[in-house]
C-alpha atoms as a PDB file:
ATOM      1  CA  MET A   1      35.407  18.506  12.865  1.00  0.00           C
ATOM      2  CA  ALA A   2      33.083  21.468  12.171  1.00  0.00           C
ATOM      3  CA  ASP A   3      35.529  24.122  13.070  1.00  0.00           C
ATOM      4  CA  GLU A   4      38.502  22.740  10.772  1.00  0.00           C
ATOM      5  CA  LYS A   5      38.952  24.605   7.574  1.00  0.00           C
ATOM      6  CA  LYS A   6      39.427  22.375   4.228  1.00  0.00           C
ATOM      7  CA  THR A   7      41.342  23.862   1.355  1.00  0.00           C
ATOM      8  CA  LEU A   8      42.515  22.438  -2.189  1.00  0.00           C
ATOM      9  CA  GLU A   9      46.262  21.748  -0.275  1.00  0.00           C
ATOM     10  CA  ASN A  10      44.429  19.673   2.200  1.00  0.00           C
ATOM     11  CA  LEU A  11      42.634  17.636  -0.845  1.00  0.00           C
ATOM     12  CA  ALA A  12      46.009  17.241  -2.740  1.00  0.00           C
ATOM     13  CA  GLU A  13      47.369  15.780   0.560  1.00  0.00           C
ATOM     14  CA  LEU A  14      44.672  13.304   1.181  1.00  0.00           C
ATOM     15  CA  ALA A  15      44.621  12.435  -2.417  1.00  0.00           C
ATOM     16  CA  GLY A  16      48.657  11.606  -2.351  1.00  0.00           C
ATOM     17  CA  SER A  17      48.216   9.901   0.689  1.00  0.00           C
ATOM     18  CA  ASP A  18      46.161   7.000  -0.414  1.00  0.00           C
ATOM     19  CA  GLU A  19      48.262   5.588  -3.156  1.00  0.00           C
ATOM     20  CA  SER A  20      47.293   1.920  -2.553  1.00  0.00           C
ATOM     21  CA  ALA A  21      43.474   2.710  -3.439  1.00  0.00           C
ATOM     22  CA  ALA A  22      44.721   4.367  -6.723  1.00  0.00           C
ATOM     23  CA  THR A  23      45.688   2.347  -9.466  1.00  0.00           C
ATOM     24  CA  PRO A  24      48.884   3.584 -11.798  1.00  0.00           C
ATOM     25  CA  PRO A  25      47.741   5.256 -15.112  1.00  0.00           C
ATOM     26  CA  ASP A  26      49.728   2.747 -17.152  1.00  0.00           C
ATOM     27  CA  ALA A  27      47.547  -0.590 -15.639  1.00  0.00           C
ATOM     28  CA  VAL A  28      46.129  -2.627 -18.328  1.00  0.00           C
ATOM     29  CA  VAL A  29      42.590  -3.434 -17.186  1.00  0.00           C
ATOM     30  CA  ALA A  30      42.240  -7.519 -18.248  1.00  0.00           C
ATOM     31  CA  ALA A  31      39.418  -8.064 -20.652  1.00  0.00           C
ATOM     32  CA  PRO A  32      36.573 -10.702 -19.098  1.00  0.00           C
ATOM     33  CA  VAL A  33      37.624 -14.108 -20.205  1.00  0.00           C
ATOM     34  CA  TYR A  34      34.614 -16.205 -21.430  1.00  0.00           C
ATOM     35  CA  GLU A  35      34.297 -19.960 -21.165  1.00  0.00           C
ATOM     36  CA  GLN A  36      32.481 -22.766 -22.769  1.00  0.00           C
ATOM     37  CA  LYS A  37      28.915 -23.632 -21.041  1.00  0.00           C
ATOM     38  CA  LEU A  38      27.711 -26.965 -21.586  1.00  0.00           C
ATOM     39  CA  ASP A  39      25.003 -28.924 -20.321  1.00  0.00           C
ATOM     40  CA  ALA A  40      24.957 -32.958 -19.407  1.00  0.00           C
ATOM     41  CA  GLN A  41      24.424 -33.630 -23.085  1.00  0.00           C
ATOM     42  CA  GLY A  42      26.986 -31.499 -24.562  1.00  0.00           C
ATOM     43  CA  ARG A  43      24.766 -28.743 -25.787  1.00  0.00           C
ATOM     44  CA  ALA A  44      24.891 -25.073 -25.270  1.00  0.00           C
ATOM     45  CA  TYR A  45      21.568 -23.510 -24.139  1.00  0.00           C
ATOM     46  CA  ALA A  46      20.323 -19.824 -25.062  1.00  0.00           C
ATOM     47  CA  THR A  47      17.306 -17.669 -25.103  1.00  0.00           C
ATOM     48  CA  GLY A  48      16.751 -15.417 -27.438  1.00  0.00           C
ATOM     49  CA  LYS A  49      13.922 -12.530 -27.702  1.00  0.00           C
ATOM     50  CA  ARG A  50      12.410 -10.221 -30.545  1.00  0.00           C
ATOM     51  CA  LYS A  51       9.298  -8.268 -30.272  1.00  0.00           C
ATOM     52  CA  ASP A  52       6.891 -10.611 -28.499  1.00  0.00           C
ATOM     53  CA  ALA A  53       8.630 -13.630 -29.534  1.00  0.00           C
ATOM     54  CA  VAL A  54      11.064 -15.964 -27.181  1.00  0.00           C
ATOM     55  CA  ALA A  55      12.989 -18.464 -28.354  1.00  0.00           C
ATOM     56  CA  ARG A  56      14.873 -21.775 -26.264  1.00  0.00           C
ATOM     57  CA  VAL A  57      17.732 -22.544 -28.323  1.00  0.00           C
ATOM     58  CA  TRP A  58      19.960 -25.681 -27.883  1.00  0.00           C
ATOM     59  CA  ILE A  59      23.124 -26.151 -30.146  1.00  0.00           C
ATOM     60  CA  LYS A  60      25.263 -29.292 -30.267  1.00  0.00           C
ATOM     61  CA  PRO A  61      27.991 -30.505 -33.294  1.00  0.00           C
ATOM     62  CA  GLY A  62      25.916 -32.298 -36.037  1.00  0.00           C
ATOM     63  CA  SER A  63      25.687 -31.911 -39.650  1.00  0.00           C
ATOM     64  CA  GLY A  64      23.726 -28.777 -39.760  1.00  0.00           C
ATOM     65  CA  LYS A  65      19.958 -29.730 -39.066  1.00  0.00           C
ATOM     66  CA  ILE A  66      17.698 -26.919 -37.780  1.00  0.00           C
ATOM     67  CA  GLU A  67      14.695 -28.072 -36.286  1.00  0.00           C
ATOM     68  CA  VAL A  68      12.032 -25.214 -34.863  1.00  0.00           C
ATOM     69  CA  ASN A  69       9.014 -26.536 -32.658  1.00  0.00           C
ATOM     70  CA  GLY A  70       9.268 -30.164 -34.080  1.00  0.00           C
ATOM     71  CA  LYS A  71       9.448 -29.252 -37.632  1.00  0.00           C
ATOM     72  CA  GLU A  72      12.032 -28.683 -40.543  1.00  0.00           C
ATOM     73  CA  LEU A  73      13.568 -25.058 -40.701  1.00  0.00           C
ATOM     74  CA  GLU A  74      11.820 -25.281 -44.170  1.00  0.00           C
ATOM     75  CA  THR A  75       8.472 -26.160 -43.340  1.00  0.00           C
ATOM     76  CA  TYR A  76       8.030 -23.714 -40.061  1.00  0.00           C
ATOM     77  CA  PHE A  77       9.731 -20.509 -41.871  1.00  0.00           C
ATOM     78  CA  ALA A  78       8.691 -20.890 -45.414  1.00  0.00           C
ATOM     79  CA  ARG A  79       9.971 -17.325 -46.748  1.00  0.00           C
ATOM     80  CA  PRO A  80      13.454 -17.594 -47.811  1.00  0.00           C
ATOM     81  CA  VAL A  81      13.796 -14.173 -45.925  1.00  0.00           C
ATOM     82  CA  LEU A  82      13.411 -15.669 -42.832  1.00  0.00           C
ATOM     83  CA  ARG A  83      15.226 -18.814 -43.333  1.00  0.00           C
ATOM     84  CA  MET A  84      18.379 -16.075 -44.235  1.00  0.00           C
ATOM     85  CA  ILE A  85      17.752 -14.531 -41.140  1.00  0.00           C
ATOM     86  CA  VAL A  86      18.310 -17.467 -39.140  1.00  0.00           C
ATOM     87  CA  HIS A  87      21.265 -18.666 -40.955  1.00  0.00           C
ATOM     88  CA  GLN A  88      22.753 -15.117 -40.626  1.00  0.00           C
ATOM     89  CA  PRO A  89      25.281 -15.732 -37.520  1.00  0.00           C
ATOM     90  CA  PHE A  90      26.480 -19.148 -39.049  1.00  0.00           C
ATOM     91  CA  VAL A  91      27.339 -17.381 -42.415  1.00  0.00           C
ATOM     92  CA  THR A  92      29.024 -14.498 -40.537  1.00  0.00           C
ATOM     93  CA  ALA A  93      31.044 -17.025 -38.292  1.00  0.00           C
ATOM     94  CA  ASN A  94      32.105 -19.436 -41.113  1.00  0.00           C
ATOM     95  CA  ARG A  95      30.315 -22.222 -39.457  1.00  0.00           C
ATOM     96  CA  VAL A  96      27.634 -23.326 -42.035  1.00  0.00           C
ATOM     97  CA  ASP A  97      26.568 -26.944 -41.379  1.00  0.00           C
ATOM     98  CA  GLN A  98      28.487 -27.530 -38.421  1.00  0.00           C
ATOM     99  CA  TYR A  99      25.912 -27.618 -36.030  1.00  0.00           C
ATOM    100  CA  ASP A 100      22.313 -29.049 -35.269  1.00  0.00           C
ATOM    101  CA  ILE A 101      20.304 -26.772 -33.749  1.00  0.00           C
ATOM    102  CA  ALA A 102      16.968 -27.604 -31.376  1.00  0.00           C
ATOM    103  CA  CYS A 103      14.367 -24.577 -30.731  1.00  0.00           C
ATOM    104  CA  THR A 104      11.262 -24.197 -29.386  1.00  0.00           C
ATOM    105  CA  VAL A 105       9.715 -20.575 -30.325  1.00  0.00           C
ATOM    106  CA  LYS A 106       6.357 -19.144 -28.455  1.00  0.00           C
ATOM    107  CA  GLY A 107       4.436 -15.754 -28.819  1.00  0.00           C
ATOM    108  CA  GLY A 108       4.685 -12.851 -31.824  1.00  0.00           C
ATOM    109  CA  GLY A 109       4.726 -13.324 -35.508  1.00  0.00           C
ATOM    110  CA  LEU A 110       6.920 -15.012 -37.619  1.00  0.00           C
ATOM    111  CA  SER A 111       9.341 -12.212 -38.317  1.00  0.00           C
ATOM    112  CA  GLY A 112       9.929 -12.069 -34.391  1.00  0.00           C
ATOM    113  CA  GLN A 113      10.159 -15.433 -34.160  1.00  0.00           C
ATOM    114  CA  ALA A 114      13.006 -15.876 -36.758  1.00  0.00           C
ATOM    115  CA  GLY A 115      14.533 -12.916 -35.149  1.00  0.00           C
ATOM    116  CA  ALA A 116      14.299 -14.486 -31.878  1.00  0.00           C
ATOM    117  CA  VAL A 117      15.597 -17.762 -33.125  1.00  0.00           C
ATOM    118  CA  ARG A 118      18.795 -15.606 -34.815  1.00  0.00           C
ATOM    119  CA  HIS A 119      19.253 -14.095 -31.207  1.00  0.00           C
ATOM    120  CA  GLY A 120      18.989 -17.255 -29.190  1.00  0.00           C
ATOM    121  CA  ILE A 121      21.537 -19.150 -32.016  1.00  0.00           C
ATOM    122  CA  SER A 122      23.857 -16.551 -31.723  1.00  0.00           C
ATOM    123  CA  ARG A 123      24.069 -16.317 -27.886  1.00  0.00           C
ATOM    124  CA  ALA A 124      24.464 -20.327 -27.992  1.00  0.00           C
ATOM    125  CA  LEU A 125      27.076 -20.078 -30.430  1.00  0.00           C
ATOM    126  CA  THR A 126      29.167 -17.806 -28.281  1.00  0.00           C
ATOM    127  CA  ARG A 127      28.533 -20.063 -25.075  1.00  0.00           C
ATOM    128  CA  PHE A 128      30.125 -23.460 -27.133  1.00  0.00           C
ATOM    129  CA  GLU A 129      32.642 -21.459 -28.810  1.00  0.00           C
ATOM    130  CA  PRO A 130      33.603 -18.167 -26.729  1.00  0.00           C
ATOM    131  CA  GLU A 131      35.954 -17.028 -29.481  1.00  0.00           C
ATOM    132  CA  LEU A 132      33.359 -16.273 -31.955  1.00  0.00           C
ATOM    133  CA  ARG A 133      31.644 -13.649 -29.509  1.00  0.00           C
ATOM    134  CA  GLY A 134      33.683 -10.894 -31.210  1.00  0.00           C
ATOM    135  CA  VAL A 135      32.851 -11.551 -34.889  1.00  0.00           C
ATOM    136  CA  LEU A 136      28.908 -11.773 -33.695  1.00  0.00           C
ATOM    137  CA  LYS A 137      29.063  -8.874 -31.308  1.00  0.00           C
ATOM    138  CA  LYS A 138      30.578  -7.043 -34.482  1.00  0.00           C
ATOM    139  CA  GLY A 139      27.487  -8.272 -36.683  1.00  0.00           C
ATOM    140  CA  GLY A 140      25.122  -6.942 -33.971  1.00  0.00           C
ATOM    141  CA  TYR A 141      23.588 -10.448 -33.543  1.00  0.00           C
ATOM    142  CA  LEU A 142      24.148 -10.682 -29.652  1.00  0.00           C
ATOM    143  CA  THR A 143      22.091  -7.413 -28.976  1.00  0.00           C
ATOM    144  CA  ARG A 144      18.479  -7.639 -28.165  1.00  0.00           C
ATOM    145  CA  ASP A 145      16.554  -5.657 -30.676  1.00  0.00           C
ATOM    146  CA  SER A 146      13.884  -3.957 -28.203  1.00  0.00           C
ATOM    147  CA  ARG A 147      12.032  -2.446 -30.374  1.00  0.00           C
ATOM    148  CA  THR A 148       8.157  -3.164 -29.769  1.00  0.00           C
ATOM    149  CA  VAL A 149       4.755  -2.359 -30.865  1.00  0.00           C
ATOM    150  CA  GLU A 150       3.906   1.077 -29.490  1.00  0.00           C
ATOM    151  CA  ARG A 151       0.771   0.762 -27.469  1.00  0.00           C
ATOM    152  CA  LYS A 152      -2.736   2.607 -28.429  1.00  0.00           C
ATOM    153  CA  LYS A 153      -3.461   6.018 -27.020  1.00  0.00           C
ATOM    154  CA  TYR A 154      -6.912   7.142 -26.234  1.00  0.00           C
ATOM    155  CA  GLY A 155      -8.773   9.658 -28.425  1.00  0.00           C
ATOM    156  CA  ARG A 156      -6.708   8.087 -31.653  1.00  0.00           C
ATOM    157  CA  ARG A 157      -7.307   5.293 -33.744  1.00  0.00           C
ATOM    158  CA  LYS A 158      -3.994   3.524 -33.363  1.00  0.00           C
ATOM    159  CA  ALA A 159      -0.688   4.556 -31.747  1.00  0.00           C
ATOM    160  CA  ARG A 160      -0.613   7.650 -33.699  1.00  0.00           C
ATOM    161  CA  ARG A 161      -3.206   7.671 -36.332  1.00  0.00           C
ATOM    162  CA  SER A 162      -5.971   9.965 -35.485  1.00  0.00           C
ATOM    163  CA  PHE A 163      -9.831   9.496 -36.237  1.00  0.00           C
ATOM    164  CA  GLN A 164     -10.750  11.331 -39.564  1.00  0.00           C
ATOM    165  CA  PHE A 165     -11.671  14.769 -39.395  1.00  0.00           C
ATOM    166  CA  SER A 166     -14.854  16.051 -40.570  1.00  0.00           C
ATOM    167  CA  LYS A 167     -15.234  19.638 -41.347  1.00  0.00           C
ATOM    168  CA  ARG A 168     -19.092  19.386 -41.829  1.00  0.00           C
END
């Protein structure tokens, strides 16, 4: 085995001999087919995350009622900006007031929780209607926003803020 000399011609012969393993250049790779995933009650489930918040979201056809931790959306997310964040996937997919949402959220603050609910709603919508995946993906709603708070470093007041310097 060590006595054989390998040249570029031998390499070309090897590549030509195994034609069955090589794919032709004009072959089209099929895109993955996504199918509807529902539970026994006819709901789609998904988990959404943002910062330290985790949202569990169940979606089913209905009148557009959104319930967060047993409360109405307007009482749980009092600020209009947070409610707008939660409604963004429906507006993008043209599905306003067509689904009822039940979700539980834990951890983080209100802003992170709203982002987690939005992420969960987007993923649940794609499980209920797989054809919406392209629209929601293009809007960036299926991507988990991985930005979190930077940890505090030693010798500093916060992550980057130094202690106040005193000349005298």
